[in-house]
């Protein structure tokens, strides 16, 4: 994603009592960020918005879509 985009998603309770939430990210978001299921994302709260960024390990190869 070269510019910021905003999406609204629903948080789901996994039902295990952990207090965690599950967020399903739309395919277009994953593709725009060049990430896939299993990739790690950093999460920050910036000016009231949740900002996700891919975490790239030095030994991780870029994924091709």
PDB file of N, CA and C in Angstrom:
ATOM      1  N   UNK A   1       0.848  -1.172   0.000  1.00  0.00           N
ATOM      2  CA  UNK A   1       0.000   0.000   0.000  1.00  0.00           C
ATOM      3  C   UNK A   1       0.886   1.225   0.000  1.00  0.00           C
ATOM      4  N   UNK A   2       0.785   2.006  -1.010  1.00  0.00           N
ATOM      5  CA  UNK A   2       1.623   3.189  -1.075  1.00  0.00           C
ATOM      6  C   UNK A   2       1.010   4.348  -0.306  1.00  0.00           C
ATOM      7  N   UNK A   3      -0.288   4.349  -0.148  1.00  0.00           N
ATOM      8  CA  UNK A   3      -0.937   5.391   0.632  1.00  0.00           C
ATOM      9  C   UNK A   3      -1.844   4.739   1.662  1.00  0.00           C
ATOM     10  N   UNK A   4      -2.214   5.500   2.667  1.00  0.00           N
ATOM     11  CA  UNK A   4      -3.067   4.965   3.718  1.00  0.00           C
ATOM     12  C   UNK A   4      -4.472   4.746   3.200  1.00  0.00           C
ATOM     13  N   UNK A   5      -5.042   3.635   3.591  1.00  0.00           N
ATOM     14  CA  UNK A   5      -6.435   3.339   3.294  1.00  0.00           C
ATOM     15  C   UNK A   5      -7.102   2.934   4.589  1.00  0.00           C
ATOM     16  N   UNK A   6      -8.373   3.171   4.675  1.00  0.00           N
ATOM     17  CA  UNK A   6      -9.117   2.857   5.877  1.00  0.00           C
ATOM     18  C   UNK A   6     -10.153   1.777   5.592  1.00  0.00           C
ATOM     19  N   UNK A   7     -10.219   0.783   6.471  1.00  0.00           N
ATOM     20  CA  UNK A   7     -11.196  -0.294   6.373  1.00  0.00           C
ATOM     21  C   UNK A   7     -11.834  -0.481   7.732  1.00  0.00           C
ATOM     22  N   UNK A   8     -13.090  -0.860   7.737  1.00  0.00           N
ATOM     23  CA  UNK A   8     -13.781  -1.194   8.977  1.00  0.00           C
ATOM     24  C   UNK A   8     -14.022  -2.693   8.985  1.00  0.00           C
ATOM     25  N   UNK A   9     -13.579  -3.348  10.054  1.00  0.00           N
ATOM     26  CA  UNK A   9     -13.757  -4.790  10.197  1.00  0.00           C
ATOM     27  C   UNK A   9     -14.374  -5.071  11.560  1.00  0.00           C
ATOM     28  N   UNK A  10     -14.948  -6.252  11.709  1.00  0.00           N
ATOM     29  CA  UNK A  10     -15.537  -6.651  12.981  1.00  0.00           C
ATOM     30  C   UNK A  10     -14.567  -7.532  13.749  1.00  0.00           C
ATOM     31  N   UNK A  11     -14.494  -7.307  15.049  1.00  0.00           N
ATOM     32  CA  UNK A  11     -13.711  -8.162  15.934  1.00  0.00           C
ATOM     33  C   UNK A  11     -14.604  -9.307  16.391  1.00  0.00           C
ATOM     34  N   UNK A  12     -14.047 -10.509  16.388  1.00  0.00           N
ATOM     35  CA  UNK A  12     -14.798 -11.688  16.794  1.00  0.00           C
ATOM     36  C   UNK A  12     -14.169 -12.286  18.046  1.00  0.00           C
ATOM     37  N   UNK A  13     -14.993 -12.694  18.960  1.00  0.00           N
ATOM     38  CA  UNK A  13     -14.541 -13.358  20.178  1.00  0.00           C
ATOM     39  C   UNK A  13     -14.277 -14.826  19.845  1.00  0.00           C
ATOM     40  N   UNK A  14     -13.056 -15.322  20.113  1.00  0.00           N
ATOM     41  CA  UNK A  14     -12.784 -16.725  19.811  1.00  0.00           C
ATOM     42  C   UNK A  14     -13.533 -17.690  20.727  1.00  0.00           C
ATOM     43  N   UNK A  15     -14.135 -17.174  21.799  1.00  0.00           N
ATOM     44  CA  UNK A  15     -14.939 -18.017  22.673  1.00  0.00           C
ATOM     45  C   UNK A  15     -14.139 -18.881  23.624  1.00  0.00           C
ATOM     46  N   UNK A  16     -12.848 -18.547  23.811  1.00  0.00           N
ATOM     47  CA  UNK A  16     -12.018 -19.372  24.695  1.00  0.00           C
ATOM     48  C   UNK A  16     -11.718 -18.701  26.032  1.00  0.00           C
ATOM     49  N   UNK A  17     -12.324 -17.529  26.264  1.00  0.00           N
ATOM     50  CA  UNK A  17     -12.120 -16.833  27.528  1.00  0.00           C
ATOM     51  C   UNK A  17     -10.791 -16.118  27.646  1.00  0.00           C
ATOM     52  N   UNK A  18     -10.007 -16.054  26.577  1.00  0.00           N
ATOM     53  CA  UNK A  18      -8.675 -15.459  26.626  1.00  0.00           C
ATOM     54  C   UNK A  18      -8.689 -13.934  26.600  1.00  0.00           C
ATOM     55  N   UNK A  19      -9.782 -13.345  26.128  1.00  0.00           N
ATOM     56  CA  UNK A  19      -9.823 -11.894  25.954  1.00  0.00           C
ATOM     57  C   UNK A  19      -9.254 -11.464  24.608  1.00  0.00           C
ATOM     58  N   UNK A  20      -8.756 -12.433  23.825  1.00  0.00           N
ATOM     59  CA  UNK A  20      -8.239 -12.134  22.486  1.00  0.00           C
ATOM     60  C   UNK A  20      -9.399 -11.869  21.540  1.00  0.00           C
ATOM     61  N   UNK A  21      -9.072 -11.314  20.378  1.00  0.00           N
ATOM     62  CA  UNK A  21     -10.070 -11.132  19.330  1.00  0.00           C
ATOM     63  C   UNK A  21      -9.498 -11.645  18.017  1.00  0.00           C
ATOM     64  N   UNK A  22     -10.398 -12.032  17.134  1.00  0.00           N
ATOM     65  CA  UNK A  22     -10.026 -12.463  15.784  1.00  0.00           C
ATOM     66  C   UNK A  22     -10.544 -11.401  14.826  1.00  0.00           C
ATOM     67  N   UNK A  23      -9.682 -10.969  13.906  1.00  0.00           N
ATOM     68  CA  UNK A  23     -10.073 -10.004  12.893  1.00  0.00           C
ATOM     69  C   UNK A  23      -9.783 -10.607  11.535  1.00  0.00           C
ATOM     70  N   UNK A  24     -10.810 -10.792  10.721  1.00  0.00           N
ATOM     71  CA  UNK A  24     -10.630 -11.272   9.353  1.00  0.00           C
ATOM     72  C   UNK A  24     -10.336 -10.074   8.457  1.00  0.00           C
ATOM     73  N   UNK A  25      -9.141 -10.057   7.877  1.00  0.00           N
ATOM     74  CA  UNK A  25      -8.778  -8.972   6.959  1.00  0.00           C
ATOM     75  C   UNK A  25      -9.202  -9.358   5.549  1.00  0.00           C
ATOM     76  N   UNK A  26      -9.869  -8.445   4.838  1.00  0.00           N
ATOM     77  CA  UNK A  26     -10.292  -8.736   3.470  1.00  0.00           C
ATOM     78  C   UNK A  26      -9.107  -9.061   2.562  1.00  0.00           C
ATOM     79  N   UNK A  27      -9.353  -9.911   1.567  1.00  0.00           N
ATOM     80  CA  UNK A  27      -8.301 -10.317   0.623  1.00  0.00           C
ATOM     81  C   UNK A  27      -7.599  -9.120  -0.003  1.00  0.00           C
ATOM     82  N   UNK A  28      -8.358  -8.083  -0.357  1.00  0.00           N
ATOM     83  CA  UNK A  28      -7.740  -6.916  -0.999  1.00  0.00           C
ATOM     84  C   UNK A  28      -6.757  -6.203  -0.079  1.00  0.00           C
ATOM     85  N   UNK A  29      -6.997  -6.266   1.224  1.00  0.00           N
ATOM     86  CA  UNK A  29      -6.055  -5.671   2.186  1.00  0.00           C
ATOM     87  C   UNK A  29      -4.777  -6.503   2.225  1.00  0.00           C
ATOM     88  N   UNK A  30      -4.913  -7.826   2.319  1.00  0.00           N
ATOM     89  CA  UNK A  30      -3.737  -8.702   2.344  1.00  0.00           C
ATOM     90  C   UNK A  30      -2.903  -8.534   1.075  1.00  0.00           C
ATOM     91  N   UNK A  31      -3.564  -8.494  -0.079  1.00  0.00           N
ATOM     92  CA  UNK A  31      -2.856  -8.351  -1.350  1.00  0.00           C
ATOM     93  C   UNK A  31      -2.151  -6.999  -1.444  1.00  0.00           C
ATOM     94  N   UNK A  32      -2.819  -5.937  -1.022  1.00  0.00           N
ATOM     95  CA  UNK A  32      -2.219  -4.602  -1.090  1.00  0.00           C
ATOM     96  C   UNK A  32      -1.006  -4.474  -0.168  1.00  0.00           C
ATOM     97  N   UNK A  33      -1.030  -5.221   0.952  1.00  0.00           N
ATOM     98  CA  UNK A  33       0.094  -5.186   1.889  1.00  0.00           C
ATOM     99  C   UNK A  33       1.165  -6.215   1.534  1.00  0.00           C
ATOM    100  N   UNK A  34       0.888  -7.047   0.522  1.00  0.00           N
ATOM    101  CA  UNK A  34       1.793  -8.121   0.111  1.00  0.00           C
ATOM    102  C   UNK A  34       2.067  -9.087   1.269  1.00  0.00           C
ATOM    103  N   UNK A  35       0.985  -9.477   1.948  1.00  0.00           N
ATOM    104  CA  UNK A  35       1.086 -10.448   3.036  1.00  0.00           C
ATOM    105  C   UNK A  35       0.075 -11.567   2.799  1.00  0.00           C
ATOM    106  N   UNK A  36       0.263 -12.659   3.510  1.00  0.00           N
ATOM    107  CA  UNK A  36      -0.629 -13.813   3.389  1.00  0.00           C
ATOM    108  C   UNK A  36      -0.867 -14.395   4.775  1.00  0.00           C
ATOM    109  N   UNK A  37      -1.758 -15.350   4.851  1.00  0.00           N
ATOM    110  CA  UNK A  37      -2.037 -16.027   6.110  1.00  0.00           C
ATOM    111  C   UNK A  37      -0.738 -16.618   6.643  1.00  0.00           C
ATOM    112  N   UNK A  38      -0.460 -16.363   7.907  1.00  0.00           N
ATOM    113  CA  UNK A  38       0.757 -16.857   8.540  1.00  0.00           C
ATOM    114  C   UNK A  38       1.846 -15.803   8.666  1.00  0.00           C
ATOM    115  N   UNK A  39       1.753 -14.706   7.882  1.00  0.00           N
ATOM    116  CA  UNK A  39       2.722 -13.622   8.009  1.00  0.00           C
ATOM    117  C   UNK A  39       2.462 -12.853   9.302  1.00  0.00           C
ATOM    118  N   UNK A  40       3.504 -12.212   9.807  1.00  0.00           N
ATOM    119  CA  UNK A  40       3.368 -11.438  11.037  1.00  0.00           C
ATOM    120  C   UNK A  40       3.149  -9.970  10.711  1.00  0.00           C
ATOM    121  N   UNK A  41       2.310  -9.328  11.528  1.00  0.00           N
ATOM    122  CA  UNK A  41       2.033  -7.905  11.384  1.00  0.00           C
ATOM    123  C   UNK A  41       2.310  -7.213  12.703  1.00  0.00           C
ATOM    124  N   UNK A  42       2.868  -5.990  12.613  1.00  0.00           N
ATOM    125  CA  UNK A  42       2.971  -5.169  13.818  1.00  0.00           C
ATOM    126  C   UNK A  42       1.671  -4.381  13.922  1.00  0.00           C
ATOM    127  N   UNK A  43       1.327  -3.999  15.125  1.00  0.00           N
ATOM    128  CA  UNK A  43       0.097  -3.244  15.343  1.00  0.00           C
ATOM    129  C   UNK A  43       0.411  -2.071  16.259  1.00  0.00           C
ATOM    130  N   UNK A  44      -0.043  -0.873  15.853  1.00  0.00           N
ATOM    131  CA  UNK A  44       0.171   0.335  16.640  1.00  0.00           C
ATOM    132  C   UNK A  44      -1.113   1.145  16.655  1.00  0.00           C
ATOM    133  N   UNK A  45      -1.329   1.877  17.719  1.00  0.00           N
ATOM    134  CA  UNK A  45      -2.428   2.821  17.797  1.00  0.00           C
ATOM    135  C   UNK A  45      -1.839   4.204  17.540  1.00  0.00           C
ATOM    136  N   UNK A  46      -2.215   4.821  16.417  1.00  0.00           N
ATOM    137  CA  UNK A  46      -1.680   6.129  16.032  1.00  0.00           C
ATOM    138  C   UNK A  46      -2.845   7.075  15.781  1.00  0.00           C
ATOM    139  N   UNK A  47      -2.922   8.132  16.567  1.00  0.00           N
ATOM    140  CA  UNK A  47      -3.993   9.138  16.427  1.00  0.00           C
ATOM    141  C   UNK A  47      -5.379   8.511  16.359  1.00  0.00           C
ATOM    142  N   UNK A  48      -5.629   7.514  17.188  1.00  0.00           N
ATOM    143  CA  UNK A  48      -6.942   6.890  17.260  1.00  0.00           C
ATOM    144  C   UNK A  48      -7.202   5.820  16.214  1.00  0.00           C
ATOM    145  N   UNK A  49      -6.230   5.545  15.353  1.00  0.00           N
ATOM    146  CA  UNK A  49      -6.384   4.504  14.333  1.00  0.00           C
ATOM    147  C   UNK A  49      -5.435   3.353  14.619  1.00  0.00           C
ATOM    148  N   UNK A  50      -5.876   2.147  14.325  1.00  0.00           N
ATOM    149  CA  UNK A  50      -5.018   0.975  14.440  1.00  0.00           C
ATOM    150  C   UNK A  50      -4.261   0.831  13.127  1.00  0.00           C
ATOM    151  N   UNK A  51      -2.936   0.807  13.207  1.00  0.00           N
ATOM    152  CA  UNK A  51      -2.086   0.746  12.017  1.00  0.00           C
ATOM    153  C   UNK A  51      -1.371  -0.601  11.997  1.00  0.00           C
ATOM    154  N   UNK A  52      -1.556  -1.343  10.902  1.00  0.00           N
ATOM    155  CA  UNK A  52      -0.906  -2.638  10.716  1.00  0.00           C
ATOM    156  C   UNK A  52       0.209  -2.494   9.697  1.00  0.00           C
ATOM    157  N   UNK A  53       1.356  -3.112   9.988  1.00  0.00           N
ATOM    158  CA  UNK A  53       2.482  -3.125   9.060  1.00  0.00           C
ATOM    159  C   UNK A  53       3.081  -4.521   9.051  1.00  0.00           C
ATOM    160  N   UNK A  54       3.504  -5.012   7.877  1.00  0.00           N
ATOM    161  CA  UNK A  54       4.144  -6.330   7.828  1.00  0.00           C
ATOM    162  C   UNK A  54       5.472  -6.319   8.565  1.00  0.00           C
ATOM    163  N   UNK A  55       5.773  -7.423   9.234  1.00  0.00           N
ATOM    164  CA  UNK A  55       7.072  -7.613   9.888  1.00  0.00           C
ATOM    165  C   UNK A  55       7.878  -8.521   8.979  1.00  0.00           C
ATOM    166  N   UNK A  56       8.960  -8.014   8.455  1.00  0.00           N
ATOM    167  CA  UNK A  56       9.793  -8.781   7.529  1.00  0.00           C
ATOM    168  C   UNK A  56      11.053  -9.245   8.248  1.00  0.00           C
ATOM    169  N   UNK A  57      11.198 -10.563   8.377  1.00  0.00           N
ATOM    170  CA  UNK A  57      12.423 -11.137   8.941  1.00  0.00           C
ATOM    171  C   UNK A  57      13.519 -11.076   7.891  1.00  0.00           C
ATOM    172  N   UNK A  58      14.757 -11.007   8.326  1.00  0.00           N
ATOM    173  CA  UNK A  58      15.882 -10.932   7.408  1.00  0.00           C
ATOM    174  C   UNK A  58      15.974 -12.171   6.519  1.00  0.00           C
ATOM    175  N   UNK A  59      15.548 -13.322   7.024  1.00  0.00           N
ATOM    176  CA  UNK A  59      15.655 -14.558   6.243  1.00  0.00           C
ATOM    177  C   UNK A  59      14.363 -14.920   5.514  1.00  0.00           C
ATOM    178  N   UNK A  60      13.345 -14.063   5.630  1.00  0.00           N
ATOM    179  CA  UNK A  60      12.065 -14.343   4.979  1.00  0.00           C
ATOM    180  C   UNK A  60      12.104 -13.867   3.531  1.00  0.00           C
ATOM    181  N   UNK A  61      11.655 -14.704   2.612  1.00  0.00           N
ATOM    182  CA  UNK A  61      11.605 -14.332   1.205  1.00  0.00           C
ATOM    183  C   UNK A  61      10.306 -13.604   0.923  1.00  0.00           C
ATOM    184  N   UNK A  62      10.369 -12.619   0.012  1.00  0.00           N
ATOM    185  CA  UNK A  62       9.149 -11.913  -0.376  1.00  0.00           C
ATOM    186  C   UNK A  62       8.194 -12.874  -1.081  1.00  0.00           C
ATOM    187  N   UNK A  63       6.932 -12.717  -0.801  1.00  0.00           N
ATOM    188  CA  UNK A  63       5.922 -13.558  -1.431  1.00  0.00           C
ATOM    189  C   UNK A  63       5.520 -12.945  -2.768  1.00  0.00           C
ATOM    190  N   UNK A  64       5.233 -13.801  -3.703  1.00  0.00           N
ATOM    191  CA  UNK A  64       4.769 -13.354  -5.010  1.00  0.00           C
ATOM    192  C   UNK A  64       3.307 -13.685  -5.158  1.00  0.00           C
ATOM    193  N   UNK A  65       2.529 -12.736  -5.622  1.00  0.00           N
ATOM    194  CA  UNK A  65       1.099 -12.952  -5.845  1.00  0.00           C
ATOM    195  C   UNK A  65       0.841 -12.920  -7.318  1.00  0.00           C
TER     196      UNK A  65
END
